[in-house]
Amino acid sequence: MAGQYVVELEAPFETPPKALLREHGLTVDETLSAGADSYVVLSADDEANVHALLRDASVTSEKISEVLFVNSPTVGGGRPAGPEPRAGHQVYVIERPIPGVGFFGLEKKQKISAGSNAAIAKLGDIIEWDHSYLTGDGTYCVYRADSPDTLREHGALAGAPIGKITPVMQE
């Protein structure tokens, strides 16, 4: 069964030729580019295939994390993000250091989602949560907001730790 992997990169990901992706049994699910701090989300049969693709495509990774769950506003009873960022919003990846979060039970994941939704309701249209990749080490959360300060305020209201905040181009 295929899994998803978040790959932290030293440079924006340039999608390899389709034949190379097929050879390694991978698909590119999402790219989040920001120069020296970029991410790609890949689906693969296993992590060895991810390593092989990166090697054959001459891509240097900083870290590869298996996605254990994809959280979103709907998991906690909220509305999904719109198809495009709102005017004045930038897309950000927030790395949250929450050890073991991907292994939490569904009820706890729903509670985390509901907490984020409640913080967004307090802040209004200046922030929107798209989705989050939960791993064994923490999360890679994709948000749209007017500023990093809004993301920090959201984290404080939701009781969610903030690690690195990276503005990205989402594809």
C-alpha atoms as a PDB file:
ATOM      1  CA  MET A   1       0.000   0.000   0.000  1.00  0.00           C
ATOM      2  CA  ALA A   2       1.332   3.423  -0.943  1.00  0.00           C
ATOM      3  CA  GLY A   3       2.207   5.962   1.693  1.00  0.00           C
ATOM      4  CA  GLN A   4       2.906   9.672   1.645  1.00  0.00           C
ATOM      5  CA  TYR A   5       6.193  11.319   2.523  1.00  0.00           C
ATOM      6  CA  VAL A   6       7.091  14.945   3.212  1.00  0.00           C
ATOM      7  CA  VAL A   7      10.584  15.694   1.943  1.00  0.00           C
ATOM      8  CA  GLU A   8      12.406  18.778   3.217  1.00  0.00           C
ATOM      9  CA  LEU A   9      14.680  20.161   0.508  1.00  0.00           C
ATOM     10  CA  GLU A  10      17.554  22.616   0.140  1.00  0.00           C
ATOM     11  CA  ALA A  11      16.052  24.036  -3.076  1.00  0.00           C
ATOM     12  CA  PRO A  12      12.690  24.076  -4.885  1.00  0.00           C
ATOM     13  CA  PHE A  13      11.695  20.674  -6.249  1.00  0.00           C
ATOM     14  CA  GLU A  14      11.893  20.286  -9.995  1.00  0.00           C
ATOM     15  CA  THR A  15       9.586  17.467 -10.985  1.00  0.00           C
ATOM     16  CA  PRO A  16      11.585  14.653 -12.611  1.00  0.00           C
ATOM     17  CA  PRO A  17      10.499  13.191 -15.958  1.00  0.00           C
ATOM     18  CA  LYS A  18       7.334  11.080 -15.755  1.00  0.00           C
ATOM     19  CA  ALA A  19       9.289   7.987 -16.800  1.00  0.00           C
ATOM     20  CA  LEU A  20      11.586   8.344 -13.765  1.00  0.00           C
ATOM     21  CA  LEU A  21       8.607   8.806 -11.448  1.00  0.00           C
ATOM     22  CA  ARG A  22       6.943   5.703 -12.936  1.00  0.00           C
ATOM     23  CA  GLU A  23      10.176   3.708 -12.659  1.00  0.00           C
ATOM     24  CA  HIS A  24      10.229   4.359  -8.907  1.00  0.00           C
ATOM     25  CA  GLY A  25       6.454   4.076  -8.446  1.00  0.00           C
ATOM     26  CA  LEU A  26       6.062   7.644  -7.191  1.00  0.00           C
ATOM     27  CA  THR A  27       3.643  10.500  -7.694  1.00  0.00           C
ATOM     28  CA  VAL A  28       4.132  14.135  -6.748  1.00  0.00           C
ATOM     29  CA  ASP A  29       1.186  15.194  -4.573  1.00  0.00           C
ATOM     30  CA  GLU A  30       2.196  18.749  -3.672  1.00  0.00           C
ATOM     31  CA  THR A  31       5.172  21.073  -3.905  1.00  0.00           C
ATOM     32  CA  LEU A  32       5.716  23.907  -1.444  1.00  0.00           C
ATOM     33  CA  SER A  33       8.602  25.965  -2.774  1.00  0.00           C
ATOM     34  CA  ALA A  34      10.561  28.614  -0.909  1.00  0.00           C
ATOM     35  CA  GLY A  35      14.099  28.683  -2.193  1.00  0.00           C
ATOM     36  CA  ALA A  36      16.433  27.102   0.346  1.00  0.00           C
ATOM     37  CA  ASP A  37      13.512  25.911   2.495  1.00  0.00           C
ATOM     38  CA  SER A  38      11.249  23.896   0.217  1.00  0.00           C
ATOM     39  CA  TYR A  39       9.078  20.822   0.562  1.00  0.00           C
ATOM     40  CA  VAL A  40       7.608  18.156  -1.693  1.00  0.00           C
ATOM     41  CA  VAL A  41       4.959  15.598  -0.761  1.00  0.00           C
ATOM     42  CA  LEU A  42       5.340  12.288  -2.583  1.00  0.00           C
ATOM     43  CA  SER A  43       3.278   9.102  -2.661  1.00  0.00           C
ATOM     44  CA  ALA A  44       5.328   5.911  -2.876  1.00  0.00           C
ATOM     45  CA  ASP A  45       5.151   2.224  -2.018  1.00  0.00           C
ATOM     46  CA  ASP A  46       7.841   2.771   0.606  1.00  0.00           C
ATOM     47  CA  GLU A  47      10.526   5.189   1.749  1.00  0.00           C
ATOM     48  CA  ALA A  48      13.237   3.286  -0.143  1.00  0.00           C
ATOM     49  CA  ASN A  49      11.551   4.319  -3.409  1.00  0.00           C
ATOM     50  CA  VAL A  50      11.656   7.967  -2.288  1.00  0.00           C
ATOM     51  CA  HIS A  51      15.386   7.714  -1.552  1.00  0.00           C
ATOM     52  CA  ALA A  52      16.007   6.023  -4.924  1.00  0.00           C
ATOM     53  CA  LEU A  53      14.116   8.718  -6.840  1.00  0.00           C
ATOM     54  CA  LEU A  54      15.929  11.528  -5.057  1.00  0.00           C
ATOM     55  CA  ARG A  55      19.270   9.848  -5.749  1.00  0.00           C
ATOM     56  CA  ASP A  56      18.517   9.252  -9.442  1.00  0.00           C
ATOM     57  CA  ALA A  57      17.137  12.787  -9.870  1.00  0.00           C
ATOM     58  CA  SER A  58      20.189  14.282  -8.073  1.00  0.00           C
ATOM     59  CA  VAL A  59      17.992  15.901  -5.425  1.00  0.00           C
ATOM     60  CA  THR A  60      19.432  16.481  -1.946  1.00  0.00           C
ATOM     61  CA  SER A  61      16.979  16.083   0.916  1.00  0.00           C
ATOM     62  CA  GLU A  62      17.370  17.407   4.441  1.00  0.00           C
ATOM     63  CA  LYS A  63      14.743  15.109   5.951  1.00  0.00           C
ATOM     64  CA  ILE A  64      12.106  12.598   4.864  1.00  0.00           C
ATOM     65  CA  SER A  65       9.055  12.067   7.094  1.00  0.00           C
ATOM     66  CA  GLU A  66       6.317   9.507   6.579  1.00  0.00           C
ATOM     67  CA  VAL A  67       2.832  11.031   6.679  1.00  0.00           C
ATOM     68  CA  LEU A  68       0.679   9.109   9.137  1.00  0.00           C
ATOM     69  CA  PHE A  69      -2.470  11.259   8.824  1.00  0.00           C
ATOM     70  CA  VAL A  70      -3.639  14.304   6.895  1.00  0.00           C
ATOM     71  CA  ASN A  71      -5.552  16.657   9.174  1.00  0.00           C
ATOM     72  CA  SER A  72      -7.792  19.459   7.981  1.00  0.00           C
ATOM     73  CA  PRO A  73     -10.522  21.802   9.202  1.00  0.00           C
ATOM     74  CA  THR A  74     -13.194  19.253   8.234  1.00  0.00           C
ATOM     75  CA  VAL A  75     -11.773  16.645  10.641  1.00  0.00           C
ATOM     76  CA  GLY A  76     -12.779  18.954  13.503  1.00  0.00           C
ATOM     77  CA  GLY A  77     -16.152  19.909  12.017  1.00  0.00           C
ATOM     78  CA  GLY A  78     -14.996  23.045  10.177  1.00  0.00           C
ATOM     79  CA  ARG A  79     -15.293  24.202   6.598  1.00  0.00           C
ATOM     80  CA  PRO A  80     -12.560  23.362   4.091  1.00  0.00           C
ATOM     81  CA  ALA A  81     -10.246  26.058   2.794  1.00  0.00           C
ATOM     82  CA  GLY A  82     -11.244  27.774  -0.422  1.00  0.00           C
ATOM     83  CA  PRO A  83      -9.690  26.703  -3.723  1.00  0.00           C
ATOM     84  CA  GLU A  84      -7.351  29.718  -3.829  1.00  0.00           C
ATOM     85  CA  PRO A  85      -5.755  31.933  -1.169  1.00  0.00           C
ATOM     86  CA  ARG A  86      -7.751  35.036  -0.276  1.00  0.00           C
ATOM     87  CA  ALA A  87      -6.555  38.431  -1.484  1.00  0.00           C
ATOM     88  CA  GLY A  88      -3.602  39.592   0.614  1.00  0.00           C
ATOM     89  CA  HIS A  89      -2.819  36.095   1.895  1.00  0.00           C
ATOM     90  CA  GLN A  90       0.490  34.272   1.581  1.00  0.00           C
ATOM     91  CA  VAL A  91       0.749  30.472   1.813  1.00  0.00           C
ATOM     92  CA  TYR A  92       2.932  29.251   4.695  1.00  0.00           C
ATOM     93  CA  VAL A  93       4.231  25.940   5.987  1.00  0.00           C
ATOM     94  CA  ILE A  94       4.373  25.806   9.778  1.00  0.00           C
ATOM     95  CA  GLU A  95       6.494  23.064  11.285  1.00  0.00           C
ATOM     96  CA  ARG A  96       5.069  22.136  14.674  1.00  0.00           C
ATOM     97  CA  PRO A  97       7.233  19.982  16.958  1.00  0.00           C
ATOM     98  CA  ILE A  98       4.647  17.617  18.452  1.00  0.00           C
ATOM     99  CA  PRO A  99       6.345  14.238  18.980  1.00  0.00           C
ATOM    100  CA  GLY A 100       4.081  11.296  18.141  1.00  0.00           C
ATOM    101  CA  VAL A 101       1.213  13.420  16.776  1.00  0.00           C
ATOM    102  CA  GLY A 102       0.704  11.153  13.777  1.00  0.00           C
ATOM    103  CA  PHE A 103       0.063   8.231  16.142  1.00  0.00           C
ATOM    104  CA  PHE A 104      -2.596  10.030  18.214  1.00  0.00           C
ATOM    105  CA  GLY A 105      -6.072   8.515  18.129  1.00  0.00           C
ATOM    106  CA  LEU A 106      -8.746   9.998  15.872  1.00  0.00           C
ATOM    107  CA  GLU A 107     -10.550  11.648  18.793  1.00  0.00           C
ATOM    108  CA  LYS A 108      -7.412  13.573  19.765  1.00  0.00           C
ATOM    109  CA  LYS A 109      -6.801  14.568  16.121  1.00  0.00           C
ATOM    110  CA  GLN A 110     -10.390  15.842  15.931  1.00  0.00           C
ATOM    111  CA  LYS A 111      -9.809  17.863  19.104  1.00  0.00           C
ATOM    112  CA  ILE A 112      -6.640  19.414  17.628  1.00  0.00           C
ATOM    113  CA  SER A 113      -8.559  20.281  14.457  1.00  0.00           C
ATOM    114  CA  ALA A 114     -11.445  21.777  16.433  1.00  0.00           C
ATOM    115  CA  GLY A 115      -8.973  23.889  18.451  1.00  0.00           C
ATOM    116  CA  SER A 116      -7.462  25.273  15.265  1.00  0.00           C
ATOM    117  CA  ASN A 117     -10.934  25.979  13.871  1.00  0.00           C
ATOM    118  CA  ALA A 118     -11.904  27.845  17.070  1.00  0.00           C
ATOM    119  CA  ALA A 119      -8.767  30.009  16.871  1.00  0.00           C
ATOM    120  CA  ILE A 120      -9.511  30.790  13.216  1.00  0.00           C
ATOM    121  CA  ALA A 121     -13.081  31.773  14.143  1.00  0.00           C
ATOM    122  CA  LYS A 122     -11.677  34.283  16.671  1.00  0.00           C
ATOM    123  CA  LEU A 123      -9.158  35.726  14.198  1.00  0.00           C
ATOM    124  CA  GLY A 124     -11.545  35.945  11.244  1.00  0.00           C
ATOM    125  CA  ASP A 125     -10.674  36.223   7.570  1.00  0.00           C
ATOM    126  CA  ILE A 126      -6.989  37.042   8.147  1.00  0.00           C
ATOM    127  CA  ILE A 127      -6.157  33.318   8.348  1.00  0.00           C
ATOM    128  CA  GLU A 128      -7.239  30.089   6.683  1.00  0.00           C
ATOM    129  CA  TRP A 129      -6.104  26.508   7.339  1.00  0.00           C
ATOM    130  CA  ASP A 130      -5.661  24.342   4.255  1.00  0.00           C
ATOM    131  CA  HIS A 131      -4.349  21.028   5.666  1.00  0.00           C
ATOM    132  CA  SER A 132      -1.624  19.448   7.805  1.00  0.00           C
ATOM    133  CA  TYR A 133       0.621  16.442   7.324  1.00  0.00           C
ATOM    134  CA  LEU A 134       1.024  14.602  10.648  1.00  0.00           C
ATOM    135  CA  THR A 135       4.192  12.555  11.137  1.00  0.00           C
ATOM    136  CA  GLY A 136       5.885  10.790  14.019  1.00  0.00           C
ATOM    137  CA  ASP A 137       7.915  13.927  14.829  1.00  0.00           C
ATOM    138  CA  GLY A 138       5.366  16.696  14.349  1.00  0.00           C
ATOM    139  CA  THR A 139       3.325  18.418  11.690  1.00  0.00           C
ATOM    140  CA  TYR A 140       3.769  20.310   8.453  1.00  0.00           C
ATOM    141  CA  CYS A 141       0.763  22.633   8.453  1.00  0.00           C
ATOM    142  CA  VAL A 142      -0.261  24.540   5.325  1.00  0.00           C
ATOM    143  CA  TYR A 143      -1.953  27.835   6.201  1.00  0.00           C
ATOM    144  CA  ARG A 144      -2.859  31.003   4.342  1.00  0.00           C
ATOM    145  CA  ALA A 145      -2.591  34.228   6.283  1.00  0.00           C
ATOM    146  CA  ASP A 146      -1.830  37.923   6.085  1.00  0.00           C
ATOM    147  CA  SER A 147       1.392  37.596   8.113  1.00  0.00           C
ATOM    148  CA  PRO A 148       3.577  35.293  10.227  1.00  0.00           C
ATOM    149  CA  ASP A 149       2.398  37.233  13.306  1.00  0.00           C
ATOM    150  CA  THR A 150      -1.156  36.061  12.618  1.00  0.00           C
ATOM    151  CA  LEU A 151       0.112  32.474  12.499  1.00  0.00           C
ATOM    152  CA  ARG A 152       1.867  32.922  15.847  1.00  0.00           C
ATOM    153  CA  GLU A 153      -1.312  34.390  17.376  1.00  0.00           C
ATOM    154  CA  HIS A 154      -3.313  31.471  15.986  1.00  0.00           C
ATOM    155  CA  GLY A 155      -0.838  29.013  17.535  1.00  0.00           C
ATOM    156  CA  ALA A 156      -1.137  30.723  20.922  1.00  0.00           C
ATOM    157  CA  LEU A 157      -4.954  30.670  20.784  1.00  0.00           C
ATOM    158  CA  ALA A 158      -5.060  27.033  19.637  1.00  0.00           C
ATOM    159  CA  GLY A 159      -2.407  25.889  22.116  1.00  0.00           C
ATOM    160  CA  ALA A 160      -0.284  24.606  19.231  1.00  0.00           C
ATOM    161  CA  PRO A 161       3.496  25.017  19.297  1.00  0.00           C
ATOM    162  CA  ILE A 162       5.143  26.931  16.458  1.00  0.00           C
ATOM    163  CA  GLY A 163       8.455  25.800  15.041  1.00  0.00           C
ATOM    164  CA  LYS A 164       9.637  27.162  11.731  1.00  0.00           C
ATOM    165  CA  ILE A 165       7.320  29.320   9.581  1.00  0.00           C
ATOM    166  CA  THR A 166       8.157  29.336   5.869  1.00  0.00           C
ATOM    167  CA  PRO A 167       6.361  31.379   3.186  1.00  0.00           C
ATOM    168  CA  VAL A 168       5.946  29.133   0.119  1.00  0.00           C
ATOM    169  CA  MET A 169       4.526  28.882  -3.373  1.00  0.00           C
ATOM    170  CA  GLN A 170       1.994  26.031  -3.376  1.00  0.00           C
ATOM    171  CA  GLU A 171       1.547  23.789  -6.423  1.00  0.00           C
END
